[in-house]
Structure formats: C-alpha cells, structure tokens
N, C-alpha and C. Protein backbone atom coordinates (compact mmCIF):
# COMPACT_ATOMS: atom_id res chain seq x y z
N MET A 1 90.16 51.32 77.01
CA MET A 1 90.97 50.35 77.73
C MET A 1 92.40 50.41 77.21
N ALA A 2 93.36 50.28 78.12
CA ALA A 2 94.78 50.39 77.76
C ALA A 2 95.22 49.20 76.93
N GLU A 3 96.18 49.47 76.09
CA GLU A 3 96.72 48.43 75.21
C GLU A 3 97.55 47.45 76.04
N LYS A 4 97.40 46.17 75.74
CA LYS A 4 98.14 45.15 76.48
C LYS A 4 99.47 44.88 75.78
N ASN A 5 100.49 44.78 76.61
CA ASN A 5 101.83 44.48 76.11
C ASN A 5 102.18 43.04 76.45
N HIS A 6 102.89 42.39 75.55
CA HIS A 6 103.34 41.00 75.75
C HIS A 6 104.86 41.03 75.81
N VAL A 7 105.39 40.44 76.89
CA VAL A 7 106.83 40.43 77.09
C VAL A 7 107.26 39.00 77.39
N THR A 8 108.25 38.53 76.66
CA THR A 8 108.78 37.19 76.90
C THR A 8 109.97 37.32 77.84
N VAL A 9 109.92 36.52 78.93
CA VAL A 9 110.96 36.58 79.95
C VAL A 9 111.37 35.17 80.35
N MET A 10 112.48 35.09 81.06
CA MET A 10 112.98 33.81 81.55
C MET A 10 112.88 33.82 83.06
N ILE A 11 112.11 32.90 83.66
CA ILE A 11 111.98 32.77 85.10
C ILE A 11 112.27 31.32 85.46
N GLU A 12 113.21 31.13 86.38
CA GLU A 12 113.60 29.78 86.83
C GLU A 12 113.97 28.90 85.64
N GLY A 13 114.63 29.51 84.64
CA GLY A 13 115.07 28.75 83.49
C GLY A 13 113.96 28.43 82.50
N ARG A 14 112.80 28.95 82.72
CA ARG A 14 111.66 28.68 81.82
C ARG A 14 111.25 29.97 81.13
N THR A 15 110.93 29.85 79.86
CA THR A 15 110.47 31.00 79.09
C THR A 15 108.98 31.18 79.34
N MET A 16 108.62 32.42 79.63
CA MET A 16 107.21 32.75 79.90
C MET A 16 106.87 34.03 79.17
N THR A 17 105.62 34.20 78.85
CA THR A 17 105.14 35.44 78.27
C THR A 17 104.27 36.14 79.32
N ILE A 18 104.65 37.34 79.62
CA ILE A 18 103.91 38.16 80.59
C ILE A 18 103.06 39.14 79.80
N VAL A 19 101.81 39.28 80.21
CA VAL A 19 100.89 40.20 79.53
C VAL A 19 100.41 41.23 80.55
N GLY A 20 100.45 42.50 80.17
CA GLY A 20 100.00 43.54 81.07
C GLY A 20 99.89 44.89 80.37
N THR A 21 99.31 45.84 81.05
CA THR A 21 99.14 47.18 80.46
C THR A 21 100.32 48.09 80.75
N GLU A 22 101.23 47.64 81.60
CA GLU A 22 102.43 48.43 81.89
C GLU A 22 103.38 48.35 80.70
N SER A 23 104.38 49.24 80.72
CA SER A 23 105.36 49.24 79.63
C SER A 23 106.18 47.96 79.68
N PRO A 24 106.67 47.48 78.53
CA PRO A 24 107.51 46.28 78.51
C PRO A 24 108.74 46.44 79.42
N GLU A 25 109.33 47.64 79.47
CA GLU A 25 110.50 47.87 80.32
C GLU A 25 110.15 47.67 81.79
N TYR A 26 108.99 48.17 82.18
CA TYR A 26 108.56 48.03 83.56
C TYR A 26 108.33 46.55 83.90
N MET A 27 107.64 45.85 83.02
CA MET A 27 107.35 44.43 83.29
C MET A 27 108.65 43.64 83.39
N LYS A 28 109.63 43.96 82.54
CA LYS A 28 110.93 43.27 82.61
C LYS A 28 111.63 43.58 83.93
N SER A 29 111.52 44.84 84.39
CA SER A 29 112.18 45.19 85.65
C SER A 29 111.54 44.45 86.82
N VAL A 30 110.22 44.20 86.77
CA VAL A 30 109.55 43.43 87.82
C VAL A 30 110.05 42.00 87.82
N VAL A 31 110.14 41.42 86.63
CA VAL A 31 110.63 40.04 86.52
C VAL A 31 112.08 39.96 86.99
N ASP A 32 112.89 40.95 86.62
CA ASP A 32 114.30 40.97 87.06
C ASP A 32 114.38 41.02 88.58
N TYR A 33 113.50 41.78 89.19
CA TYR A 33 113.48 41.89 90.65
C TYR A 33 113.15 40.53 91.28
N ILE A 34 112.15 39.85 90.73
CA ILE A 34 111.75 38.53 91.24
C ILE A 34 112.90 37.54 91.05
N GLU A 35 113.54 37.59 89.90
CA GLU A 35 114.66 36.69 89.63
C GLU A 35 115.81 36.95 90.59
N GLN A 36 116.06 38.22 90.89
CA GLN A 36 117.13 38.57 91.84
C GLN A 36 116.79 38.00 93.22
N LYS A 37 115.56 38.18 93.67
CA LYS A 37 115.15 37.65 94.97
C LYS A 37 115.25 36.12 94.98
N ASN A 38 114.84 35.51 93.88
CA ASN A 38 114.89 34.05 93.78
C ASN A 38 116.34 33.58 93.83
N SER A 39 117.23 34.30 93.16
CA SER A 39 118.65 33.94 93.16
C SER A 39 119.24 34.04 94.56
N GLU A 40 118.82 35.05 95.31
CA GLU A 40 119.29 35.20 96.69
C GLU A 40 118.89 33.98 97.52
N ILE A 41 117.67 33.52 97.32
CA ILE A 41 117.18 32.36 98.09
C ILE A 41 117.87 31.08 97.64
N ARG A 42 118.08 30.93 96.36
CA ARG A 42 118.65 29.70 95.81
C ARG A 42 120.17 29.61 96.02
N SER A 43 120.80 30.71 96.39
CA SER A 43 122.23 30.65 96.65
C SER A 43 122.45 30.05 98.03
N GLY A 44 123.53 29.39 98.22
CA GLY A 44 123.84 28.79 99.52
C GLY A 44 122.96 27.58 99.80
N LYS A 45 122.30 27.56 100.95
CA LYS A 45 121.50 26.40 101.37
C LYS A 45 120.28 26.19 100.47
N GLY A 46 119.84 27.22 99.79
CA GLY A 46 118.66 27.12 98.95
C GLY A 46 118.88 26.37 97.65
N LYS A 47 120.14 25.98 97.35
CA LYS A 47 120.42 25.27 96.11
C LYS A 47 119.67 23.94 96.05
N LYS A 48 119.48 23.33 97.19
CA LYS A 48 118.82 22.01 97.24
C LYS A 48 117.30 22.16 97.25
N MET A 49 116.80 23.38 97.29
CA MET A 49 115.38 23.65 97.40
C MET A 49 114.69 23.43 96.05
N ASN A 50 113.47 22.87 96.10
CA ASN A 50 112.74 22.71 94.84
C ASN A 50 112.15 24.05 94.41
N VAL A 51 111.70 24.11 93.18
CA VAL A 51 111.20 25.36 92.58
C VAL A 51 110.02 25.91 93.37
N ALA A 52 109.10 25.05 93.78
CA ALA A 52 107.91 25.50 94.51
C ALA A 52 108.31 26.17 95.83
N MET A 53 109.21 25.54 96.59
CA MET A 53 109.64 26.11 97.87
C MET A 53 110.38 27.41 97.65
N ALA A 54 111.24 27.47 96.64
CA ALA A 54 111.98 28.70 96.33
C ALA A 54 110.99 29.80 95.94
N SER A 55 109.96 29.46 95.19
CA SER A 55 108.94 30.44 94.79
C SER A 55 108.18 30.97 96.00
N ILE A 56 107.86 30.07 96.94
CA ILE A 56 107.16 30.49 98.15
C ILE A 56 108.03 31.44 98.96
N LEU A 57 109.30 31.08 99.16
CA LEU A 57 110.20 31.94 99.93
C LEU A 57 110.45 33.27 99.20
N THR A 58 110.53 33.23 97.88
CA THR A 58 110.68 34.46 97.11
C THR A 58 109.46 35.36 97.33
N SER A 59 108.28 34.74 97.29
CA SER A 59 107.05 35.51 97.53
C SER A 59 107.07 36.14 98.92
N ILE A 60 107.52 35.38 99.90
CA ILE A 60 107.59 35.91 101.27
C ILE A 60 108.57 37.09 101.33
N ASN A 61 109.73 36.95 100.68
CA ASN A 61 110.72 38.04 100.66
C ASN A 61 110.18 39.28 99.94
N VAL A 62 109.49 39.04 98.83
CA VAL A 62 108.92 40.17 98.09
C VAL A 62 107.83 40.85 98.93
N ALA A 63 107.01 40.03 99.60
CA ALA A 63 105.98 40.59 100.48
C ALA A 63 106.63 41.38 101.62
N ASP A 64 107.71 40.87 102.17
CA ASP A 64 108.44 41.58 103.22
C ASP A 64 108.94 42.93 102.70
N ASP A 65 109.54 42.92 101.52
CA ASP A 65 109.99 44.19 100.91
C ASP A 65 108.81 45.15 100.74
N PHE A 66 107.70 44.59 100.26
CA PHE A 66 106.51 45.40 100.02
C PHE A 66 106.03 46.05 101.32
N PHE A 67 105.91 45.26 102.39
CA PHE A 67 105.42 45.80 103.66
C PHE A 67 106.38 46.82 104.26
N LYS A 68 107.68 46.57 104.10
CA LYS A 68 108.66 47.54 104.59
C LYS A 68 108.56 48.85 103.81
N GLU A 69 108.43 48.76 102.51
CA GLU A 69 108.28 49.96 101.69
C GLU A 69 106.97 50.67 101.99
N LYS A 70 105.93 49.87 102.21
CA LYS A 70 104.63 50.45 102.56
C LYS A 70 104.73 51.21 103.88
N GLN A 71 105.40 50.61 104.88
CA GLN A 71 105.59 51.28 106.16
C GLN A 71 106.44 52.53 105.99
N HIS A 72 107.48 52.41 105.18
CA HIS A 72 108.35 53.57 104.92
C HIS A 72 107.53 54.69 104.29
N ARG A 73 106.69 54.35 103.34
CA ARG A 73 105.84 55.36 102.69
C ARG A 73 104.89 55.98 103.71
N GLU A 74 104.29 55.17 104.56
CA GLU A 74 103.38 55.69 105.59
C GLU A 74 104.13 56.61 106.55
N ASP A 75 105.36 56.23 106.89
CA ASP A 75 106.18 57.08 107.76
C ASP A 75 106.46 58.42 107.08
N ILE A 76 106.80 58.37 105.81
CA ILE A 76 107.08 59.59 105.06
C ILE A 76 105.81 60.44 104.96
N GLU A 77 104.67 59.80 104.68
CA GLU A 77 103.41 60.54 104.59
C GLU A 77 103.06 61.18 105.93
N SER A 78 103.31 60.46 107.02
CA SER A 78 103.06 61.00 108.35
C SER A 78 103.98 62.18 108.61
N GLU A 79 105.25 62.03 108.26
CA GLU A 79 106.21 63.12 108.44
C GLU A 79 105.80 64.32 107.59
N LEU A 80 105.36 64.05 106.37
CA LEU A 80 104.90 65.12 105.49
C LEU A 80 103.69 65.83 106.09
N GLU A 81 102.78 65.08 106.66
CA GLU A 81 101.60 65.66 107.31
C GLU A 81 102.04 66.54 108.49
N ASN A 82 103.01 66.05 109.28
CA ASN A 82 103.53 66.85 110.39
C ASN A 82 104.17 68.14 109.88
N ILE A 83 104.91 68.03 108.80
CA ILE A 83 105.55 69.21 108.21
C ILE A 83 104.49 70.19 107.72
N LYS A 84 103.43 69.67 107.08
CA LYS A 84 102.34 70.53 106.63
C LYS A 84 101.68 71.24 107.81
N ASN A 85 101.46 70.50 108.91
CA ASN A 85 100.86 71.11 110.09
C ASN A 85 101.76 72.20 110.67
N GLU A 86 103.07 71.91 110.75
CA GLU A 86 104.02 72.90 111.24
C GLU A 86 104.05 74.12 110.32
N LEU A 87 103.98 73.86 109.02
CA LEU A 87 103.98 74.95 108.05
C LEU A 87 102.73 75.80 108.23
N GLU A 88 101.60 75.16 108.45
CA GLU A 88 100.35 75.90 108.67
C GLU A 88 100.44 76.75 109.94
N LYS A 89 101.01 76.16 111.02
CA LYS A 89 101.19 76.92 112.26
C LYS A 89 102.11 78.12 112.02
N THR A 90 103.21 77.87 111.30
CA THR A 90 104.17 78.93 111.02
C THR A 90 103.51 80.02 110.17
N LYS A 91 102.68 79.60 109.23
CA LYS A 91 101.97 80.55 108.38
C LYS A 91 101.04 81.41 109.24
N GLU A 92 100.31 80.80 110.17
CA GLU A 92 99.43 81.55 111.07
C GLU A 92 100.24 82.51 111.94
N GLU A 93 101.38 82.02 112.46
CA GLU A 93 102.23 82.88 113.29
C GLU A 93 102.74 84.07 112.48
N LEU A 94 103.09 83.81 111.24
CA LEU A 94 103.58 84.88 110.37
C LEU A 94 102.47 85.89 110.10
N GLU A 95 101.25 85.40 109.84
CA GLU A 95 100.13 86.30 109.63
C GLU A 95 99.88 87.15 110.87
N ASN A 96 99.93 86.50 112.05
CA ASN A 96 99.75 87.26 113.30
C ASN A 96 100.86 88.29 113.49
N ALA A 97 102.09 87.89 113.18
CA ALA A 97 103.22 88.82 113.30
C ALA A 97 103.04 90.00 112.34
N ASN A 98 102.56 89.71 111.13
CA ASN A 98 102.33 90.79 110.16
C ASN A 98 101.23 91.73 110.65
N LYS A 99 100.20 91.17 111.29
CA LYS A 99 99.14 92.02 111.85
C LYS A 99 99.70 92.89 112.97
N GLU A 100 100.55 92.30 113.80
CA GLU A 100 101.18 93.08 114.87
C GLU A 100 102.06 94.18 114.30
N ILE A 101 102.80 93.86 113.24
CA ILE A 101 103.66 94.86 112.59
C ILE A 101 102.80 95.99 112.04
N GLU A 102 101.68 95.63 111.41
CA GLU A 102 100.78 96.67 110.88
C GLU A 102 100.27 97.56 112.00
N GLN A 103 99.89 96.95 113.13
CA GLN A 103 99.41 97.74 114.27
C GLN A 103 100.52 98.63 114.82
N LEU A 104 101.73 98.07 114.92
CA LEU A 104 102.86 98.87 115.39
C LEU A 104 103.14 100.04 114.44
N ASN A 105 103.03 99.79 113.14
CA ASN A 105 103.24 100.86 112.16
C ASN A 105 102.18 101.95 112.34
N ARG A 106 100.92 101.54 112.59
CA ARG A 106 99.87 102.53 112.85
C ARG A 106 100.18 103.31 114.13
N ASP A 107 100.63 102.59 115.16
CA ASP A 107 100.99 103.25 116.41
C ASP A 107 102.14 104.23 116.20
N ILE A 108 103.13 103.82 115.41
CA ILE A 108 104.27 104.71 115.12
C ILE A 108 103.78 105.96 114.39
N TYR A 109 102.88 105.78 113.44
CA TYR A 109 102.34 106.93 112.70
C TYR A 109 101.65 107.90 113.65
N ILE A 110 100.84 107.33 114.57
CA ILE A 110 100.13 108.16 115.55
C ILE A 110 101.14 108.88 116.45
N LEU A 111 102.16 108.15 116.92
CA LEU A 111 103.18 108.76 117.78
C LEU A 111 103.95 109.86 117.04
N LYS A 112 104.26 109.62 115.78
CA LYS A 112 104.96 110.66 115.01
C LYS A 112 104.08 111.90 114.87
N ASP A 113 102.79 111.66 114.64
CA ASP A 113 101.85 112.77 114.53
C ASP A 113 101.80 113.53 115.86
N ASP A 114 101.73 112.76 116.97
CA ASP A 114 101.74 113.39 118.30
C ASP A 114 103.03 114.16 118.52
N MET A 115 104.16 113.59 118.11
CA MET A 115 105.46 114.28 118.26
C MET A 115 105.47 115.57 117.46
N ASN A 116 104.92 115.56 116.26
CA ASN A 116 104.87 116.76 115.44
C ASN A 116 104.01 117.84 116.11
N MET A 117 102.87 117.42 116.67
CA MET A 117 102.01 118.38 117.38
C MET A 117 102.75 118.95 118.59
N LEU A 118 103.43 118.06 119.35
CA LEU A 118 104.19 118.53 120.51
C LEU A 118 105.32 119.47 120.09
N ALA A 119 105.96 119.16 118.97
CA ALA A 119 107.04 120.04 118.48
C ALA A 119 106.47 121.41 118.12
N GLU A 120 105.28 121.42 117.51
CA GLU A 120 104.64 122.70 117.18
C GLU A 120 104.28 123.46 118.45
N GLU A 121 103.73 122.74 119.43
CA GLU A 121 103.38 123.37 120.70
C GLU A 121 104.64 123.91 121.39
N LYS A 122 105.72 123.14 121.34
CA LYS A 122 106.99 123.57 121.94
C LYS A 122 107.47 124.85 121.26
N ALA A 123 107.38 124.86 119.92
CA ALA A 123 107.81 126.05 119.17
C ALA A 123 106.96 127.25 119.57
N GLN A 124 105.65 127.03 119.74
CA GLN A 124 104.77 128.12 120.15
C GLN A 124 105.13 128.61 121.55
N VAL A 125 105.38 127.67 122.47
CA VAL A 125 105.76 128.04 123.84
C VAL A 125 107.09 128.78 123.82
N GLU A 126 108.03 128.31 123.01
CA GLU A 126 109.33 129.00 122.91
C GLU A 126 109.14 130.41 122.37
N ASP A 127 108.27 130.54 121.35
CA ASP A 127 107.99 131.88 120.80
C ASP A 127 107.37 132.77 121.87
N GLN A 128 106.42 132.21 122.65
CA GLN A 128 105.79 132.99 123.71
C GLN A 128 106.81 133.37 124.77
N LEU A 129 107.72 132.42 125.11
CA LEU A 129 108.77 132.72 126.08
C LEU A 129 109.68 133.84 125.56
N ASP A 130 110.04 133.73 124.28
CA ASP A 130 110.88 134.78 123.69
C ASP A 130 110.17 136.14 123.79
N GLU A 131 108.87 136.14 123.46
CA GLU A 131 108.12 137.39 123.55
C GLU A 131 108.06 137.87 125.01
N TYR A 132 107.89 136.95 125.92
CA TYR A 132 107.83 137.30 127.34
C TYR A 132 109.16 137.91 127.79
N PHE A 133 110.28 137.23 127.40
CA PHE A 133 111.59 137.75 127.79
C PHE A 133 111.88 139.11 127.14
N VAL A 134 111.44 139.27 125.90
CA VAL A 134 111.63 140.57 125.25
C VAL A 134 110.83 141.62 126.01
N ALA A 135 109.58 141.26 126.35
CA ALA A 135 108.74 142.21 127.11
C ALA A 135 109.34 142.46 128.48
N LEU A 136 109.86 141.44 129.11
CA LEU A 136 110.49 141.57 130.42
C LEU A 136 111.70 142.48 130.34
N ASP A 137 112.54 142.26 129.32
CA ASP A 137 113.71 143.12 129.13
C ASP A 137 113.27 144.56 128.90
N ALA A 138 112.24 144.71 128.08
CA ALA A 138 111.73 146.07 127.80
C ALA A 138 111.21 146.70 129.09
N SER A 139 110.55 145.90 129.88
CA SER A 139 110.00 146.39 131.15
C SER A 139 111.13 146.77 132.09
N LYS A 140 112.19 146.00 132.14
CA LYS A 140 113.35 146.31 132.99
C LYS A 140 114.01 147.60 132.53
N ASN A 141 114.14 147.72 131.22
CA ASN A 141 114.76 148.93 130.67
C ASN A 141 113.93 150.16 131.03
N ILE A 142 112.62 150.05 130.92
CA ILE A 142 111.74 151.17 131.25
C ILE A 142 111.87 151.47 132.74
N SER A 143 111.87 150.47 133.57
CA SER A 143 112.01 150.65 135.00
C SER A 143 113.34 151.28 135.34
N HIS A 144 114.35 150.81 134.70
CA HIS A 144 115.70 151.31 134.94
C HIS A 144 115.80 152.79 134.53
N LYS A 145 115.19 153.15 133.40
CA LYS A 145 115.19 154.53 132.92
C LYS A 145 114.38 155.40 133.89
N ASN A 146 113.27 154.87 134.35
CA ASN A 146 112.44 155.65 135.27
C ASN A 146 113.20 155.90 136.58
N ARG A 147 113.96 154.96 137.03
CA ARG A 147 114.73 155.16 138.25
C ARG A 147 115.84 156.17 138.01
N ASN A 148 116.44 156.10 136.87
CA ASN A 148 117.53 157.03 136.57
C ASN A 148 116.99 158.46 136.38
N ASN A 149 115.81 158.58 135.89
CA ASN A 149 115.23 159.90 135.65
C ASN A 149 114.77 160.52 136.96
N LYS A 150 114.58 159.85 137.94
CA LYS A 150 114.11 160.40 139.20
C LYS A 150 115.23 160.90 139.99
C-alpha cells in the first residue's frame, strides 16, 4: 500500500490537513485550484455569499471544468483513433504499392530479358543478311564474269 502524505493547507481561511497517497506538491496544486475557483466565485456578487453556497458553486465550476476536459480528452482520443485508422489504411496502401512495384520490377526484368533475346535474334538476322548480301554480291560478280567471258 502506498505511503500516505499529510499536507496542511488553508481553504476559506481555515487550516486543514489533507491526507492522500499523491505527492504533497500535487495535493497543494489541487487545493490551489479549488481556492482559485472559489476566489472567482467570491469576487464581485459572490462576496455576500455564505461559505456553503460558495462551496457548492465552486464544486459546480470544478465539475464543469472536469466534464469539459473529459469531453476534450474523448475528442482527442477519437481524433487519435481516426488518425490510427488513416495510418493503417495508408500502411495497407503502401504495402499494396510495394507489391505493385515488386511486380513491375519482375515485369521489367522479363522485358529486359526479352529485349536481350530480341537483340541477339536481330544480330543473328543481321549476320545472315550480311552473309546473304555477300553471297549475292559474289553471285553477281560470277554472273557478270560469265557474261563478259561469253
């Protein structure tokens, strides 16, 4: 069990001892907050208010602050959940994009391989054409010589 701290504070002009497991600094800051809220109520028209009524209104103001902060926290948690969902969607989209990139890289590899084969075939066809033209030239020369010899 946590150690209990005792803190002496002044509330509404009265000395009180607060006991709790929180740090003395924290407990003092809570009391200071209540005193600030109480001072806000007691200023102006609240000066004529008795201690009980001022305490009730202070409690209402503190509860109002609490509910507003609670709503603010819920809004932030909701926004955080939306951000997490968007992040998850983005992560899935990125994974899909990476898969597409991998497939495109495989396709590029296949196309490069096909291009290399076509380049080899082209070189072979060019070699055959060169041989054909050489043979054709040789054939023309032979024909031309045969005509000249006749």
